[in-house]
Amino acid sequence: MTDAAGMSWTAKFASGRRRAASPPEIAASRLTWALGYFVEEHYYVPRGTIIGIQGALRKRTTEAIGTDGSFKESRFERQPPEIERDRDGISGTIRLPDPASLASRC
């Protein structure tokens, strides 16, 4: 998905008895980040509405997203462009700015 600012996101929705993500799971990723480790940005969204959902995404999420785009219990993960991902989406590299270019800005 892409938000109004052009940022890409992945989403995991609750369906049936399966929860998307629990608030403690999100808190654990924040704590890991606070300890200095790299973690993806995850956000727990208890309910919301997605505008303009259609096509393949619409077919895959019929159980989790209502016909009006409303959903409950979801986990959104930000997909920033500076992180290159492999096709499987599991591993990747972070593109950092060149240190020389940072020094010239000071």
C-alpha atoms as a PDB file:
ATOM      1  CA  MET A   1       0.000   0.000   0.000  1.00  0.00           C
ATOM      2  CA  THR A   2       1.037   3.589  -0.485  1.00  0.00           C
ATOM      3  CA  ASP A   3      -0.091   6.392   1.788  1.00  0.00           C
ATOM      4  CA  ALA A   4      -0.933   9.992   0.830  1.00  0.00           C
ATOM      5  CA  ALA A   5       2.711  11.014   1.355  1.00  0.00           C
ATOM      6  CA  GLY A   6       3.945   8.323  -1.067  1.00  0.00           C
ATOM      7  CA  MET A   7       5.379   5.998   1.625  1.00  0.00           C
ATOM      8  CA  SER A   8       4.990   2.265   1.017  1.00  0.00           C
ATOM      9  CA  TRP A   9       3.565   0.047   3.748  1.00  0.00           C
ATOM     10  CA  THR A  10       2.848  -3.617   4.237  1.00  0.00           C
ATOM     11  CA  ALA A  11      -0.065  -4.647   6.402  1.00  0.00           C
ATOM     12  CA  LYS A  12      -1.026  -7.740   8.319  1.00  0.00           C
ATOM     13  CA  PHE A  13      -4.698  -7.956   9.206  1.00  0.00           C
ATOM     14  CA  ALA A  14      -6.545 -10.007  11.779  1.00  0.00           C
ATOM     15  CA  SER A  15      -8.814 -12.604  10.251  1.00  0.00           C
ATOM     16  CA  GLY A  16     -11.040 -15.133  11.923  1.00  0.00           C
ATOM     17  CA  ARG A  17      -9.395 -16.115  15.207  1.00  0.00           C
ATOM     18  CA  ARG A  18      -5.904 -15.013  14.169  1.00  0.00           C
ATOM     19  CA  ARG A  19      -4.720 -11.641  15.450  1.00  0.00           C
ATOM     20  CA  ALA A  20      -2.596  -9.411  13.234  1.00  0.00           C
ATOM     21  CA  ALA A  21      -0.153  -8.476  15.956  1.00  0.00           C
ATOM     22  CA  SER A  22      -0.467  -7.859  19.612  1.00  0.00           C
ATOM     23  CA  PRO A  23       0.464  -4.554  21.238  1.00  0.00           C
ATOM     24  CA  PRO A  24       3.215  -6.351  23.240  1.00  0.00           C
ATOM     25  CA  GLU A  25       4.761  -7.516  19.946  1.00  0.00           C
ATOM     26  CA  ILE A  26       4.905  -3.917  18.752  1.00  0.00           C
ATOM     27  CA  ALA A  27       6.274  -2.781  22.129  1.00  0.00           C
ATOM     28  CA  ALA A  28       9.011  -5.435  21.943  1.00  0.00           C
ATOM     29  CA  SER A  29      10.174  -4.093  18.577  1.00  0.00           C
ATOM     30  CA  ARG A  30      10.264  -0.559  20.036  1.00  0.00           C
ATOM     31  CA  LEU A  31      12.276  -1.749  23.017  1.00  0.00           C
ATOM     32  CA  THR A  32      14.715  -3.551  20.717  1.00  0.00           C
ATOM     33  CA  TRP A  33      15.082  -0.328  18.723  1.00  0.00           C
ATOM     34  CA  ALA A  34      15.661   1.659  21.946  1.00  0.00           C
ATOM     35  CA  LEU A  35      18.514  -0.704  22.791  1.00  0.00           C
ATOM     36  CA  GLY A  36      20.228   0.299  19.563  1.00  0.00           C
ATOM     37  CA  TYR A  37      19.274  -2.528  17.228  1.00  0.00           C
ATOM     38  CA  PHE A  38      17.893  -2.017  13.744  1.00  0.00           C
ATOM     39  CA  VAL A  39      14.224  -2.931  13.535  1.00  0.00           C
ATOM     40  CA  GLU A  40      11.556  -2.206  10.989  1.00  0.00           C
ATOM     41  CA  GLU A  41       8.948   0.362  12.001  1.00  0.00           C
ATOM     42  CA  HIS A  42       5.773  -1.446  13.062  1.00  0.00           C
ATOM     43  CA  TYR A  43       2.546   0.157  14.174  1.00  0.00           C
ATOM     44  CA  TYR A  44      -0.458  -1.501  15.761  1.00  0.00           C
ATOM     45  CA  VAL A  45      -3.689  -0.002  14.431  1.00  0.00           C
ATOM     46  CA  PRO A  46      -6.767  -1.147  16.375  1.00  0.00           C
ATOM     47  CA  ARG A  47      -9.202  -0.024  13.644  1.00  0.00           C
ATOM     48  CA  GLY A  48      -9.268   2.115  10.536  1.00  0.00           C
ATOM     49  CA  THR A  49     -10.345   2.473   6.936  1.00  0.00           C
ATOM     50  CA  ILE A  50      -8.381   1.990   3.738  1.00  0.00           C
ATOM     51  CA  ILE A  51      -9.595   4.112   0.844  1.00  0.00           C
ATOM     52  CA  GLY A  52      -9.345   2.785  -2.696  1.00  0.00           C
ATOM     53  CA  ILE A  53      -8.595  -0.872  -1.976  1.00  0.00           C
ATOM     54  CA  GLN A  54      -9.136  -2.983  -5.076  1.00  0.00           C
ATOM     55  CA  GLY A  55      -7.825  -5.760  -7.304  1.00  0.00           C
ATOM     56  CA  ALA A  56      -5.639  -8.550  -5.927  1.00  0.00           C
ATOM     57  CA  LEU A  57      -5.358  -6.949  -2.483  1.00  0.00           C
ATOM     58  CA  ARG A  58      -9.131  -6.747  -2.268  1.00  0.00           C
ATOM     59  CA  LYS A  59      -9.483 -10.461  -3.085  1.00  0.00           C
ATOM     60  CA  ARG A  60      -6.848 -11.525  -0.544  1.00  0.00           C
ATOM     61  CA  THR A  61      -8.313  -9.489   2.303  1.00  0.00           C
ATOM     62  CA  THR A  62     -12.065 -10.074   1.972  1.00  0.00           C
ATOM     63  CA  GLU A  63     -12.174 -11.725   5.393  1.00  0.00           C
ATOM     64  CA  ALA A  64     -10.268  -8.929   7.135  1.00  0.00           C
ATOM     65  CA  ILE A  65     -11.447  -5.772   5.372  1.00  0.00           C
ATOM     66  CA  GLY A  66     -15.081  -4.752   5.022  1.00  0.00           C
ATOM     67  CA  THR A  67     -16.642  -3.651   1.749  1.00  0.00           C
ATOM     68  CA  ASP A  68     -16.294  -0.038   2.926  1.00  0.00           C
ATOM     69  CA  GLY A  69     -12.533  -0.517   3.543  1.00  0.00           C
ATOM     70  CA  SER A  70     -12.865  -0.762   7.337  1.00  0.00           C
ATOM     71  CA  PHE A  71     -10.633  -3.115   9.304  1.00  0.00           C
ATOM     72  CA  LYS A  72      -9.868  -4.089  12.881  1.00  0.00           C
ATOM     73  CA  GLU A  73      -6.606  -5.118  14.490  1.00  0.00           C
ATOM     74  CA  SER A  74      -3.791  -4.659  12.047  1.00  0.00           C
ATOM     75  CA  ARG A  75      -0.051  -4.268  12.002  1.00  0.00           C
ATOM     76  CA  PHE A  76       1.439  -1.819   9.510  1.00  0.00           C
ATOM     77  CA  GLU A  77       5.124  -1.924   8.586  1.00  0.00           C
ATOM     78  CA  ARG A  78       6.774   1.048   6.934  1.00  0.00           C
ATOM     79  CA  GLN A  79       8.829   0.211   3.815  1.00  0.00           C
ATOM     80  CA  PRO A  80      11.250   3.145   3.465  1.00  0.00           C
ATOM     81  CA  PRO A  81      13.038   3.481   0.098  1.00  0.00           C
ATOM     82  CA  GLU A  82      16.499   3.614   1.703  1.00  0.00           C
ATOM     83  CA  ILE A  83      16.217  -0.060   2.658  1.00  0.00           C
ATOM     84  CA  GLU A  84      16.836  -2.400  -0.254  1.00  0.00           C
ATOM     85  CA  ARG A  85      14.990  -5.673   0.127  1.00  0.00           C
ATOM     86  CA  ASP A  86      15.604  -9.011  -1.528  1.00  0.00           C
ATOM     87  CA  ARG A  87      12.709 -10.419  -3.508  1.00  0.00           C
ATOM     88  CA  ASP A  88      11.662 -12.594  -0.575  1.00  0.00           C
ATOM     89  CA  GLY A  89      11.421  -9.444   1.567  1.00  0.00           C
ATOM     90  CA  ILE A  90      13.286 -11.070   4.432  1.00  0.00           C
ATOM     91  CA  SER A  91      16.820  -9.765   4.088  1.00  0.00           C
ATOM     92  CA  GLY A  92      18.225  -6.597   2.638  1.00  0.00           C
ATOM     93  CA  THR A  93      20.714  -3.809   3.037  1.00  0.00           C
ATOM     94  CA  ILE A  94      20.413  -0.249   4.209  1.00  0.00           C
ATOM     95  CA  ARG A  95      21.773   2.433   1.918  1.00  0.00           C
ATOM     96  CA  LEU A  96      23.487   5.024   4.104  1.00  0.00           C
ATOM     97  CA  PRO A  97      24.699   8.383   2.827  1.00  0.00           C
ATOM     98  CA  ASP A  98      28.368   8.715   1.893  1.00  0.00           C
ATOM     99  CA  PRO A  99      30.274   9.980   4.989  1.00  0.00           C
ATOM    100  CA  ALA A 100      32.153  12.509   2.831  1.00  0.00           C
ATOM    101  CA  SER A 101      28.906  14.086   1.677  1.00  0.00           C
ATOM    102  CA  LEU A 102      27.743  14.345   5.291  1.00  0.00           C
ATOM    103  CA  ALA A 103      31.000  16.054   6.327  1.00  0.00           C
ATOM    104  CA  SER A 104      30.638  18.623   3.551  1.00  0.00           C
ATOM    105  CA  ARG A 105      27.237  19.642   4.952  1.00  0.00           C
ATOM    106  CA  CYS A 106      28.722  20.658   8.322  1.00  0.00           C
END
